[in-house]
Amino acid sequence: MKDMHDIIIRPVLTEKAYEGFADKRYVFEVPVNANKMEIKKAVEEVFASDRVKVEKVNTVRTIGKVKRQGLHSGRRPEVKKAYVTLTRDSKPIKFFEAMGTEE
């Protein structure tokens, strides 16, 4: 069995991600081979202290871009992002509460 902390690699903190905080929508980078059920269980287990309930998970997989430098070419790594939406009665994740608010 996979460790749930290995499924969530890191949060994605971009302007588009900040816009979703008000709607309880958070973006995480996950392994390319992770499926939606694993992501849902991982978010609920990792943030269990915040009592979160996941309503839905949408995933986006981007293929690595080919880059060249002279004769040598390489590829950037593939990335999979998970857009996680919490239920209405769920509490927001405390880690993200201070982010996205302007002071």
PDB file of N, CA and C in Angstrom:
ATOM      1  N   MET A   1       0.840  -1.190   0.000  1.00  0.00           N
ATOM      2  CA  MET A   1       0.000   0.000   0.000  1.00  0.00           C
ATOM      3  C   MET A   1       0.879   1.246   0.000  1.00  0.00           C
ATOM      4  N   LYS A   2       0.464   2.243  -0.742  1.00  0.00           N
ATOM      5  CA  LYS A   2       1.222   3.480  -0.835  1.00  0.00           C
ATOM      6  C   LYS A   2       1.002   4.331   0.405  1.00  0.00           C
ATOM      7  N   ASP A   3       2.022   5.101   0.757  1.00  0.00           N
ATOM      8  CA  ASP A   3       1.875   6.060   1.837  1.00  0.00           C
ATOM      9  C   ASP A   3       1.152   7.281   1.285  1.00  0.00           C
ATOM     10  N   MET A   4       0.178   7.780   2.004  1.00  0.00           N
ATOM     11  CA  MET A   4      -0.628   8.891   1.525  1.00  0.00           C
ATOM     12  C   MET A   4       0.180  10.175   1.368  1.00  0.00           C
ATOM     13  N   HIS A   5       1.258  10.305   2.126  1.00  0.00           N
ATOM     14  CA  HIS A   5       2.099  11.494   2.008  1.00  0.00           C
ATOM     15  C   HIS A   5       2.937  11.459   0.732  1.00  0.00           C
ATOM     16  N   ASP A   6       3.086  10.284   0.115  1.00  0.00           N
ATOM     17  CA  ASP A   6       3.813  10.179  -1.147  1.00  0.00           C
ATOM     18  C   ASP A   6       2.936  10.540  -2.338  1.00  0.00           C
ATOM     19  N   ILE A   7       1.630  10.509  -2.162  1.00  0.00           N
ATOM     20  CA  ILE A   7       0.723  10.815  -3.272  1.00  0.00           C
ATOM     21  C   ILE A   7       0.639  12.325  -3.501  1.00  0.00           C
ATOM     22  N   ILE A   8       0.616  13.107  -2.437  1.00  0.00           N
ATOM     23  CA  ILE A   8       0.609  14.560  -2.586  1.00  0.00           C
ATOM     24  C   ILE A   8       2.055  15.028  -2.561  1.00  0.00           C
ATOM     25  N   ILE A   9       2.582  15.419  -3.718  1.00  0.00           N
ATOM     26  CA  ILE A   9       3.976  15.839  -3.804  1.00  0.00           C
ATOM     27  C   ILE A   9       4.141  17.240  -3.230  1.00  0.00           C
ATOM     28  N   ARG A  10       3.330  18.181  -3.718  1.00  0.00           N
ATOM     29  CA  ARG A  10       3.410  19.553  -3.227  1.00  0.00           C
ATOM     30  C   ARG A  10       2.164  20.304  -3.663  1.00  0.00           C
ATOM     31  N   PRO A  11       1.811  21.382  -2.968  1.00  0.00           N
ATOM     32  CA  PRO A  11       0.712  22.220  -3.449  1.00  0.00           C
ATOM     33  C   PRO A  11       1.197  23.106  -4.591  1.00  0.00           C
ATOM     34  N   VAL A  12       0.301  23.413  -5.494  1.00  0.00           N
ATOM     35  CA  VAL A  12       0.613  24.312  -6.599  1.00  0.00           C
ATOM     36  C   VAL A  12       0.089  25.684  -6.209  1.00  0.00           C
ATOM     37  N   LEU A  13       0.987  26.649  -6.093  1.00  0.00           N
ATOM     38  CA  LEU A  13       0.616  27.988  -5.640  1.00  0.00           C
ATOM     39  C   LEU A  13       0.808  28.977  -6.789  1.00  0.00           C
ATOM     40  N   THR A  14      -0.241  29.138  -7.575  1.00  0.00           N
ATOM     41  CA  THR A  14      -0.246  30.068  -8.692  1.00  0.00           C
ATOM     42  C   THR A  14      -1.432  31.009  -8.541  1.00  0.00           C
ATOM     43  N   GLU A  15      -1.514  32.009  -9.410  1.00  0.00           N
ATOM     44  CA  GLU A  15      -2.643  32.940  -9.342  1.00  0.00           C
ATOM     45  C   GLU A  15      -3.960  32.216  -9.577  1.00  0.00           C
ATOM     46  N   LYS A  16      -3.973  31.290 -10.501  1.00  0.00           N
ATOM     47  CA  LYS A  16      -5.194  30.532 -10.782  1.00  0.00           C
ATOM     48  C   LYS A  16      -5.594  29.683  -9.575  1.00  0.00           C
ATOM     49  N   ALA A  17      -4.610  29.120  -8.889  1.00  0.00           N
ATOM     50  CA  ALA A  17      -4.900  28.317  -7.701  1.00  0.00           C
ATOM     51  C   ALA A  17      -5.432  29.191  -6.566  1.00  0.00           C
ATOM     52  N   TYR A  18      -4.890  30.401  -6.420  1.00  0.00           N
ATOM     53  CA  TYR A  18      -5.363  31.311  -5.375  1.00  0.00           C
ATOM     54  C   TYR A  18      -6.825  31.689  -5.579  1.00  0.00           C
ATOM     55  N   GLU A  19      -7.268  31.801  -6.821  1.00  0.00           N
ATOM     56  CA  GLU A  19      -8.664  32.155  -7.099  1.00  0.00           C
ATOM     57  C   GLU A  19      -9.628  31.080  -6.612  1.00  0.00           C
ATOM     58  N   GLY A  20      -9.183  29.836  -6.560  1.00  0.00           N
ATOM     59  CA  GLY A  20     -10.058  28.743  -6.147  1.00  0.00           C
ATOM     60  C   GLY A  20     -10.191  28.572  -4.649  1.00  0.00           C
ATOM     61  N   PHE A  21      -9.345  29.239  -3.856  1.00  0.00           N
ATOM     62  CA  PHE A  21      -9.397  29.068  -2.399  1.00  0.00           C
ATOM     63  C   PHE A  21     -10.754  29.474  -1.822  1.00  0.00           C
ATOM     64  N   ALA A  22     -11.379  30.499  -2.377  1.00  0.00           N
ATOM     65  CA  ALA A  22     -12.681  30.942  -1.872  1.00  0.00           C
ATOM     66  C   ALA A  22     -13.758  29.887  -2.112  1.00  0.00           C
ATOM     67  N   ASP A  23     -13.617  29.103  -3.178  1.00  0.00           N
ATOM     68  CA  ASP A  23     -14.580  28.047  -3.507  1.00  0.00           C
ATOM     69  C   ASP A  23     -14.186  26.694  -2.938  1.00  0.00           C
ATOM     70  N   LYS A  24     -13.155  26.681  -2.071  1.00  0.00           N
ATOM     71  CA  LYS A  24     -12.627  25.451  -1.475  1.00  0.00           C
ATOM     72  C   LYS A  24     -12.109  24.498  -2.549  1.00  0.00           C
ATOM     73  N   ARG A  25     -11.383  25.060  -3.525  1.00  0.00           N
ATOM     74  CA  ARG A  25     -10.760  24.271  -4.578  1.00  0.00           C
ATOM     75  C   ARG A  25      -9.246  24.458  -4.472  1.00  0.00           C
ATOM     76  N   TYR A  26      -8.537  23.361  -4.315  1.00  0.00           N
ATOM     77  CA  TYR A  26      -7.096  23.397  -4.090  1.00  0.00           C
ATOM     78  C   TYR A  26      -6.407  22.571  -5.163  1.00  0.00           C
ATOM     79  N   VAL A  27      -5.163  22.946  -5.479  1.00  0.00           N
ATOM     80  CA  VAL A  27      -4.412  22.279  -6.545  1.00  0.00           C
ATOM     81  C   VAL A  27      -3.158  21.657  -5.938  1.00  0.00           C
ATOM     82  N   PHE A  28      -2.929  20.391  -6.265  1.00  0.00           N
ATOM     83  CA  PHE A  28      -1.767  19.667  -5.785  1.00  0.00           C
ATOM     84  C   PHE A  28      -1.064  19.000  -6.949  1.00  0.00           C
ATOM     85  N   GLU A  29       0.265  18.884  -6.848  1.00  0.00           N
ATOM     86  CA  GLU A  29       1.019  18.083  -7.806  1.00  0.00           C
ATOM     87  C   GLU A  29       1.065  16.667  -7.261  1.00  0.00           C
ATOM     88  N   VAL A  30       0.760  15.703  -8.121  1.00  0.00           N
ATOM     89  CA  VAL A  30       0.692  14.305  -7.716  1.00  0.00           C
ATOM     90  C   VAL A  30       1.519  13.464  -8.681  1.00  0.00           C
ATOM     91  N   PRO A  31       1.862  12.217  -8.326  1.00  0.00           N
ATOM     92  CA  PRO A  31       2.587  11.350  -9.260  1.00  0.00           C
ATOM     93  C   PRO A  31       1.748  11.066 -10.508  1.00  0.00           C
ATOM     94  N   VAL A  32       2.414  10.814 -11.609  1.00  0.00           N
ATOM     95  CA  VAL A  32       1.723  10.590 -12.877  1.00  0.00           C
ATOM     96  C   VAL A  32       0.844   9.347 -12.818  1.00  0.00           C
ATOM     97  N   ASN A  33       1.217   8.359 -12.019  1.00  0.00           N
ATOM     98  CA  ASN A  33       0.447   7.109 -11.980  1.00  0.00           C
ATOM     99  C   ASN A  33      -0.630   7.093 -10.886  1.00  0.00           C
ATOM    100  N   ALA A  34      -0.864   8.197 -10.194  1.00  0.00           N
ATOM    101  CA  ALA A  34      -1.891   8.243  -9.146  1.00  0.00           C
ATOM    102  C   ALA A  34      -3.273   8.404  -9.782  1.00  0.00           C
ATOM    103  N   ASN A  35      -4.265   7.678  -9.242  1.00  0.00           N
ATOM    104  CA  ASN A  35      -5.615   7.826  -9.764  1.00  0.00           C
ATOM    105  C   ASN A  35      -6.451   8.699  -8.824  1.00  0.00           C
ATOM    106  N   LYS A  36      -7.680   9.000  -9.239  1.00  0.00           N
ATOM    107  CA  LYS A  36      -8.520   9.954  -8.501  1.00  0.00           C
ATOM    108  C   LYS A  36      -8.911   9.444  -7.113  1.00  0.00           C
ATOM    109  N   MET A  37      -9.159   8.157  -6.994  1.00  0.00           N
ATOM    110  CA  MET A  37      -9.546   7.599  -5.691  1.00  0.00           C
ATOM    111  C   MET A  37      -8.381   7.689  -4.704  1.00  0.00           C
ATOM    112  N   GLU A  38      -7.166   7.415  -5.164  1.00  0.00           N
ATOM    113  CA  GLU A  38      -5.991   7.533  -4.297  1.00  0.00           C
ATOM    114  C   GLU A  38      -5.779   8.977  -3.864  1.00  0.00           C
ATOM    115  N   ILE A  39      -5.987   9.913  -4.777  1.00  0.00           N
ATOM    116  CA  ILE A  39      -5.814  11.333  -4.462  1.00  0.00           C
ATOM    117  C   ILE A  39      -6.851  11.766  -3.437  1.00  0.00           C
ATOM    118  N   LYS A  40      -8.088  11.338  -3.606  1.00  0.00           N
ATOM    119  CA  LYS A  40      -9.160  11.687  -2.665  1.00  0.00           C
ATOM    120  C   LYS A  40      -8.846  11.164  -1.263  1.00  0.00           C
ATOM    121  N   LYS A  41      -8.452   9.905  -1.160  1.00  0.00           N
ATOM    122  CA  LYS A  41      -8.114   9.320   0.141  1.00  0.00           C
ATOM    123  C   LYS A  41      -6.918  10.012   0.764  1.00  0.00           C
ATOM    124  N   ALA A  42      -5.926  10.366  -0.064  1.00  0.00           N
ATOM    125  CA  ALA A  42      -4.721  11.016   0.450  1.00  0.00           C
ATOM    126  C   ALA A  42      -5.034  12.389   1.027  1.00  0.00           C
ATOM    127  N   VAL A  43      -5.835  13.172   0.334  1.00  0.00           N
ATOM    128  CA  VAL A  43      -6.179  14.516   0.825  1.00  0.00           C
ATOM    129  C   VAL A  43      -6.976  14.421   2.120  1.00  0.00           C
ATOM    130  N   GLU A  44      -7.931  13.506   2.176  1.00  0.00           N
ATOM    131  CA  GLU A  44      -8.731  13.361   3.394  1.00  0.00           C
ATOM    132  C   GLU A  44      -7.889  12.868   4.566  1.00  0.00           C
ATOM    133  N   GLU A  45      -6.900  12.011   4.314  1.00  0.00           N
ATOM    134  CA  GLU A  45      -6.062  11.492   5.398  1.00  0.00           C
ATOM    135  C   GLU A  45      -5.005  12.501   5.836  1.00  0.00           C
ATOM    136  N   VAL A  46      -4.348  13.162   4.877  1.00  0.00           N
ATOM    137  CA  VAL A  46      -3.281  14.106   5.218  1.00  0.00           C
ATOM    138  C   VAL A  46      -3.842  15.311   5.964  1.00  0.00           C
ATOM    139  N   PHE A  47      -5.015  15.784   5.553  1.00  0.00           N
ATOM    140  CA  PHE A  47      -5.628  16.950   6.192  1.00  0.00           C
ATOM    141  C   PHE A  47      -6.784  16.529   7.101  1.00  0.00           C
ATOM    142  N   ALA A  48      -6.656  15.393   7.762  1.00  0.00           N
ATOM    143  CA  ALA A  48      -7.716  14.880   8.642  1.00  0.00           C
ATOM    144  C   ALA A  48      -7.937  15.790   9.840  1.00  0.00           C
ATOM    145  N   SER A  49      -6.895  16.473  10.302  1.00  0.00           N
ATOM    146  CA  SER A  49      -7.051  17.378  11.446  1.00  0.00           C
ATOM    147  C   SER A  49      -7.941  18.565  11.104  1.00  0.00           C
ATOM    148  N   ASP A  50      -8.034  18.908   9.813  1.00  0.00           N
ATOM    149  CA  ASP A  50      -8.903  20.004   9.386  1.00  0.00           C
ATOM    150  C   ASP A  50     -10.318  19.530   9.074  1.00  0.00           C
ATOM    151  N   ARG A  51     -10.563  18.229   9.179  1.00  0.00           N
ATOM    152  CA  ARG A  51     -11.869  17.618   8.919  1.00  0.00           C
ATOM    153  C   ARG A  51     -12.389  17.971   7.520  1.00  0.00           C
ATOM    154  N   VAL A  52     -11.611  17.631   6.520  1.00  0.00           N
ATOM    155  CA  VAL A  52     -12.009  17.923   5.143  1.00  0.00           C
ATOM    156  C   VAL A  52     -12.692  16.713   4.524  1.00  0.00           C
ATOM    157  N   LYS A  53     -13.640  16.975   3.640  1.00  0.00           N
ATOM    158  CA  LYS A  53     -14.321  15.954   2.856  1.00  0.00           C
ATOM    159  C   LYS A  53     -14.236  16.372   1.392  1.00  0.00           C
ATOM    160  N   VAL A  54     -13.717  15.498   0.568  1.00  0.00           N
ATOM    161  CA  VAL A  54     -13.515  15.802  -0.842  1.00  0.00           C
ATOM    162  C   VAL A  54     -14.792  15.486  -1.609  1.00  0.00           C
ATOM    163  N   GLU A  55     -15.247  16.466  -2.391  1.00  0.00           N
ATOM    164  CA  GLU A  55     -16.424  16.254  -3.228  1.00  0.00           C
ATOM    165  C   GLU A  55     -16.030  15.650  -4.566  1.00  0.00           C
ATOM    166  N   LYS A  56     -15.033  16.267  -5.236  1.00  0.00           N
ATOM    167  CA  LYS A  56     -14.602  15.742  -6.521  1.00  0.00           C
ATOM    168  C   LYS A  56     -13.131  16.060  -6.767  1.00  0.00           C
ATOM    169  N   VAL A  57     -12.536  15.278  -7.653  1.00  0.00           N
ATOM    170  CA  VAL A  57     -11.132  15.439  -8.025  1.00  0.00           C
ATOM    171  C   VAL A  57     -11.049  15.471  -9.548  1.00  0.00           C
ATOM    172  N   ASN A  58     -10.447  16.509 -10.085  1.00  0.00           N
ATOM    173  CA  ASN A  58     -10.170  16.594 -11.521  1.00  0.00           C
ATOM    174  C   ASN A  58      -8.664  16.581 -11.691  1.00  0.00           C
ATOM    175  N   THR A  59      -8.189  15.868 -12.718  1.00  0.00           N
ATOM    176  CA  THR A  59      -6.750  15.765 -12.931  1.00  0.00           C
ATOM    177  C   THR A  59      -6.385  16.288 -14.313  1.00  0.00           C
ATOM    178  N   VAL A  60      -5.177  16.848 -14.390  1.00  0.00           N
ATOM    179  CA  VAL A  60      -4.625  17.334 -15.650  1.00  0.00           C
ATOM    180  C   VAL A  60      -3.209  16.792 -15.753  1.00  0.00           C
ATOM    181  N   ARG A  61      -2.907  16.207 -16.890  1.00  0.00           N
ATOM    182  CA  ARG A  61      -1.567  15.658 -17.107  1.00  0.00           C
ATOM    183  C   ARG A  61      -0.922  16.409 -18.263  1.00  0.00           C
ATOM    184  N   THR A  62       0.246  16.988 -18.000  1.00  0.00           N
ATOM    185  CA  THR A  62       0.954  17.716 -19.040  1.00  0.00           C
ATOM    186  C   THR A  62       2.209  16.942 -19.424  1.00  0.00           C
ATOM    187  N   ILE A  63       2.406  16.809 -20.704  1.00  0.00           N
ATOM    188  CA  ILE A  63       3.574  16.116 -21.229  1.00  0.00           C
ATOM    189  C   ILE A  63       4.754  17.077 -21.194  1.00  0.00           C
ATOM    190  N   GLY A  64       5.928  16.568 -20.863  1.00  0.00           N
ATOM    191  CA  GLY A  64       7.121  17.395 -20.781  1.00  0.00           C
ATOM    192  C   GLY A  64       7.501  17.981 -22.125  1.00  0.00           C
ATOM    193  N   LYS A  65       7.910  19.232 -22.114  1.00  0.00           N
ATOM    194  CA  LYS A  65       8.266  19.953 -23.321  1.00  0.00           C
ATOM    195  C   LYS A  65       9.691  19.586 -23.747  1.00  0.00           C
ATOM    196  N   VAL A  66       9.914  19.459 -25.039  1.00  0.00           N
ATOM    197  CA  VAL A  66      11.254  19.157 -25.546  1.00  0.00           C
ATOM    198  C   VAL A  66      12.055  20.455 -25.594  1.00  0.00           C
ATOM    199  N   LYS A  67      13.231  20.448 -24.998  1.00  0.00           N
ATOM    200  CA  LYS A  67      14.103  21.619 -24.982  1.00  0.00           C
ATOM    201  C   LYS A  67      15.426  21.254 -25.629  1.00  0.00           C
ATOM    202  N   ARG A  68      16.008  22.224 -26.325  1.00  0.00           N
ATOM    203  CA  ARG A  68      17.286  22.001 -27.001  1.00  0.00           C
ATOM    204  C   ARG A  68      18.301  23.029 -26.557  1.00  0.00           C
ATOM    205  N   GLN A  69      19.540  22.603 -26.550  1.00  0.00           N
ATOM    206  CA  GLN A  69      20.658  23.518 -26.366  1.00  0.00           C
ATOM    207  C   GLN A  69      21.748  23.046 -27.313  1.00  0.00           C
ATOM    208  N   GLY A  70      21.850  23.725 -28.436  1.00  0.00           N
ATOM    209  CA  GLY A  70      22.792  23.293 -29.454  1.00  0.00           C
ATOM    210  C   GLY A  70      22.333  21.985 -30.077  1.00  0.00           C
ATOM    211  N   LEU A  71      23.225  21.018 -30.116  1.00  0.00           N
ATOM    212  CA  LEU A  71      22.882  19.720 -30.689  1.00  0.00           C
ATOM    213  C   LEU A  71      22.174  18.807 -29.703  1.00  0.00           C
ATOM    214  N   HIS A  72      22.239  19.111 -28.442  1.00  0.00           N
ATOM    215  CA  HIS A  72      21.678  18.252 -27.409  1.00  0.00           C
ATOM    216  C   HIS A  72      20.220  18.621 -27.147  1.00  0.00           C
ATOM    217  N   SER A  73      19.399  17.608 -27.045  1.00  0.00           N
ATOM    218  CA  SER A  73      17.993  17.856 -26.732  1.00  0.00           C
ATOM    219  C   SER A  73      17.598  17.007 -25.538  1.00  0.00           C
ATOM    220  N   GLY A  74      16.653  17.517 -24.799  1.00  0.00           N
ATOM    221  CA  GLY A  74      16.162  16.812 -23.625  1.00  0.00           C
ATOM    222  C   GLY A  74      14.697  17.126 -23.435  1.00  0.00           C
ATOM    223  N   ARG A  75      14.125  16.577 -22.407  1.00  0.00           N
ATOM    224  CA  ARG A  75      12.702  16.768 -22.163  1.00  0.00           C
ATOM    225  C   ARG A  75      12.489  17.156 -20.712  1.00  0.00           C
ATOM    226  N   ARG A  76      11.599  18.115 -20.500  1.00  0.00           N
ATOM    227  CA  ARG A  76      11.207  18.465 -19.133  1.00  0.00           C
ATOM    228  C   ARG A  76      10.346  17.334 -18.578  1.00  0.00           C
ATOM    229  N   PRO A  77      10.268  17.211 -17.268  1.00  0.00           N
ATOM    230  CA  PRO A  77       9.496  16.090 -16.710  1.00  0.00           C
ATOM    231  C   PRO A  77       7.988  16.267 -16.909  1.00  0.00           C
ATOM    232  N   GLU A  78       7.284  15.129 -16.973  1.00  0.00           N
ATOM    233  CA  GLU A  78       5.832  15.151 -17.039  1.00  0.00           C
ATOM    234  C   GLU A  78       5.284  15.527 -15.670  1.00  0.00           C
ATOM    235  N   VAL A  79       4.159  16.229 -15.655  1.00  0.00           N
ATOM    236  CA  VAL A  79       3.558  16.695 -14.410  1.00  0.00           C
ATOM    237  C   VAL A  79       2.075  16.355 -14.431  1.00  0.00           C
ATOM    238  N   LYS A  80       1.565  15.908 -13.299  1.00  0.00           N
ATOM    239  CA  LYS A  80       0.132  15.672 -13.152  1.00  0.00           C
ATOM    240  C   LYS A  80      -0.359  16.521 -11.993  1.00  0.00           C
ATOM    241  N   LYS A  81      -1.397  17.327 -12.254  1.00  0.00           N
ATOM    242  CA  LYS A  81      -1.975  18.174 -11.220  1.00  0.00           C
ATOM    243  C   LYS A  81      -3.377  17.688 -10.897  1.00  0.00           C
ATOM    244  N   ALA A  82      -3.733  17.774  -9.626  1.00  0.00           N
ATOM    245  CA  ALA A  82      -5.064  17.377  -9.177  1.00  0.00           C
ATOM    246  C   ALA A  82      -5.781  18.601  -8.623  1.00  0.00           C
ATOM    247  N   TYR A  83      -6.941  18.914  -9.193  1.00  0.00           N
ATOM    248  CA  TYR A  83      -7.800  19.984  -8.703  1.00  0.00           C
ATOM    249  C   TYR A  83      -8.816  19.338  -7.766  1.00  0.00           C
ATOM    250  N   VAL A  84      -8.685  19.610  -6.474  1.00  0.00           N
ATOM    251  CA  VAL A  84      -9.507  18.970  -5.453  1.00  0.00           C
ATOM    252  C   VAL A  84     -10.535  19.975  -4.948  1.00  0.00           C
ATOM    253  N   THR A  85     -11.820  19.612  -5.049  1.00  0.00           N
ATOM    254  CA  THR A  85     -12.904  20.461  -4.557  1.00  0.00           C
ATOM    255  C   THR A  85     -13.493  19.819  -3.314  1.00  0.00           C
ATOM    256  N   LEU A  86     -13.617  20.621  -2.249  1.00  0.00           N
ATOM    257  CA  LEU A  86     -14.180  20.118  -0.997  1.00  0.00           C
ATOM    258  C   LEU A  86     -15.688  20.334  -0.982  1.00  0.00           C
ATOM    259  N   THR A  87     -16.380  19.586  -0.126  1.00  0.00           N
ATOM    260  CA  THR A  87     -17.830  19.745   0.000  1.00  0.00           C
ATOM    261  C   THR A  87     -18.154  21.072   0.683  1.00  0.00           C
ATOM    262  N   ARG A  88     -19.402  21.492   0.573  1.00  0.00           N
ATOM    263  CA  ARG A  88     -19.809  22.780   1.163  1.00  0.00           C
ATOM    264  C   ARG A  88     -19.686  22.792   2.681  1.00  0.00           C
ATOM    265  N   ASP A  89     -20.056  21.682   3.328  1.00  0.00           N
ATOM    266  CA  ASP A  89     -20.024  21.644   4.793  1.00  0.00           C
ATOM    267  C   ASP A  89     -18.630  21.343   5.337  1.00  0.00           C
ATOM    268  N   SER A  90     -17.662  21.099   4.461  1.00  0.00           N
ATOM    269  CA  SER A  90     -16.300  20.840   4.898  1.00  0.00           C
ATOM    270  C   SER A  90     -15.607  22.141   5.287  1.00  0.00           C
ATOM    271  N   LYS A  91     -14.701  22.035   6.238  1.00  0.00           N
ATOM    272  CA  LYS A  91     -13.918  23.214   6.632  1.00  0.00           C
ATOM    273  C   LYS A  91     -12.787  23.415   5.639  1.00  0.00           C
ATOM    274  N   PRO A  92     -12.358  24.665   5.422  1.00  0.00           N
ATOM    275  CA  PRO A  92     -11.208  24.883   4.520  1.00  0.00           C
ATOM    276  C   PRO A  92      -9.923  24.361   5.150  1.00  0.00           C
ATOM    277  N   ILE A  93      -8.923  24.138   4.321  1.00  0.00           N
ATOM    278  CA  ILE A  93      -7.634  23.646   4.791  1.00  0.00           C
ATOM    279  C   ILE A  93      -6.868  24.810   5.408  1.00  0.00           C
ATOM    280  N   LYS A  94      -6.443  24.659   6.655  1.00  0.00           N
ATOM    281  CA  LYS A  94      -5.796  25.749   7.393  1.00  0.00           C
ATOM    282  C   LYS A  94      -4.494  26.207   6.751  1.00  0.00           C
ATOM    283  N   PHE A  95      -3.784  25.295   6.099  1.00  0.00           N
ATOM    284  CA  PHE A  95      -2.515  25.632   5.464  1.00  0.00           C
ATOM    285  C   PHE A  95      -2.693  26.737   4.419  1.00  0.00           C
ATOM    286  N   PHE A  96      -3.847  26.751   3.749  1.00  0.00           N
ATOM    287  CA  PHE A  96      -4.077  27.700   2.675  1.00  0.00           C
ATOM    288  C   PHE A  96      -4.840  28.950   3.113  1.00  0.00           C
ATOM    289  N   GLU A  97      -5.320  29.022   4.349  1.00  0.00           N
ATOM    290  CA  GLU A  97      -6.157  30.147   4.773  1.00  0.00           C
ATOM    291  C   GLU A  97      -5.456  31.490   4.693  1.00  0.00           C
ATOM    292  N   ALA A  98      -4.199  31.573   5.117  1.00  0.00           N
ATOM    293  CA  ALA A  98      -3.499  32.852   5.101  1.00  0.00           C
ATOM    294  C   ALA A  98      -3.070  33.245   3.687  1.00  0.00           C
ATOM    295  N   MET A  99      -2.954  32.272   2.813  1.00  0.00           N
ATOM    296  CA  MET A  99      -2.538  32.569   1.440  1.00  0.00           C
ATOM    297  C   MET A  99      -3.736  33.061   0.642  1.00  0.00           C
ATOM    298  N   GLY A 100      -3.483  33.901  -0.307  1.00  0.00           N
ATOM    299  CA  GLY A 100      -4.550  34.377  -1.172  1.00  0.00           C
ATOM    300  C   GLY A 100      -5.320  35.554  -0.610  1.00  0.00           C
ATOM    301  N   THR A 101      -5.116  35.895   0.651  1.00  0.00           N
ATOM    302  CA  THR A 101      -5.781  37.064   1.217  1.00  0.00           C
ATOM    303  C   THR A 101      -4.787  38.217   1.239  1.00  0.00           C
ATOM    304  N   GLU A 102      -5.202  39.346   0.749  1.00  0.00           N
ATOM    305  CA  GLU A 102      -4.310  40.488   0.719  1.00  0.00           C
ATOM    306  C   GLU A 102      -4.481  41.302   1.989  1.00  0.00           C
ATOM    307  N   GLU A 103      -3.376  41.725   2.523  1.00  0.00           N
ATOM    308  CA  GLU A 103      -3.412  42.504   3.763  1.00  0.00           C
ATOM    309  C   GLU A 103      -2.997  43.924   3.515  1.00  0.00           C
TER     310      GLU A 103
END
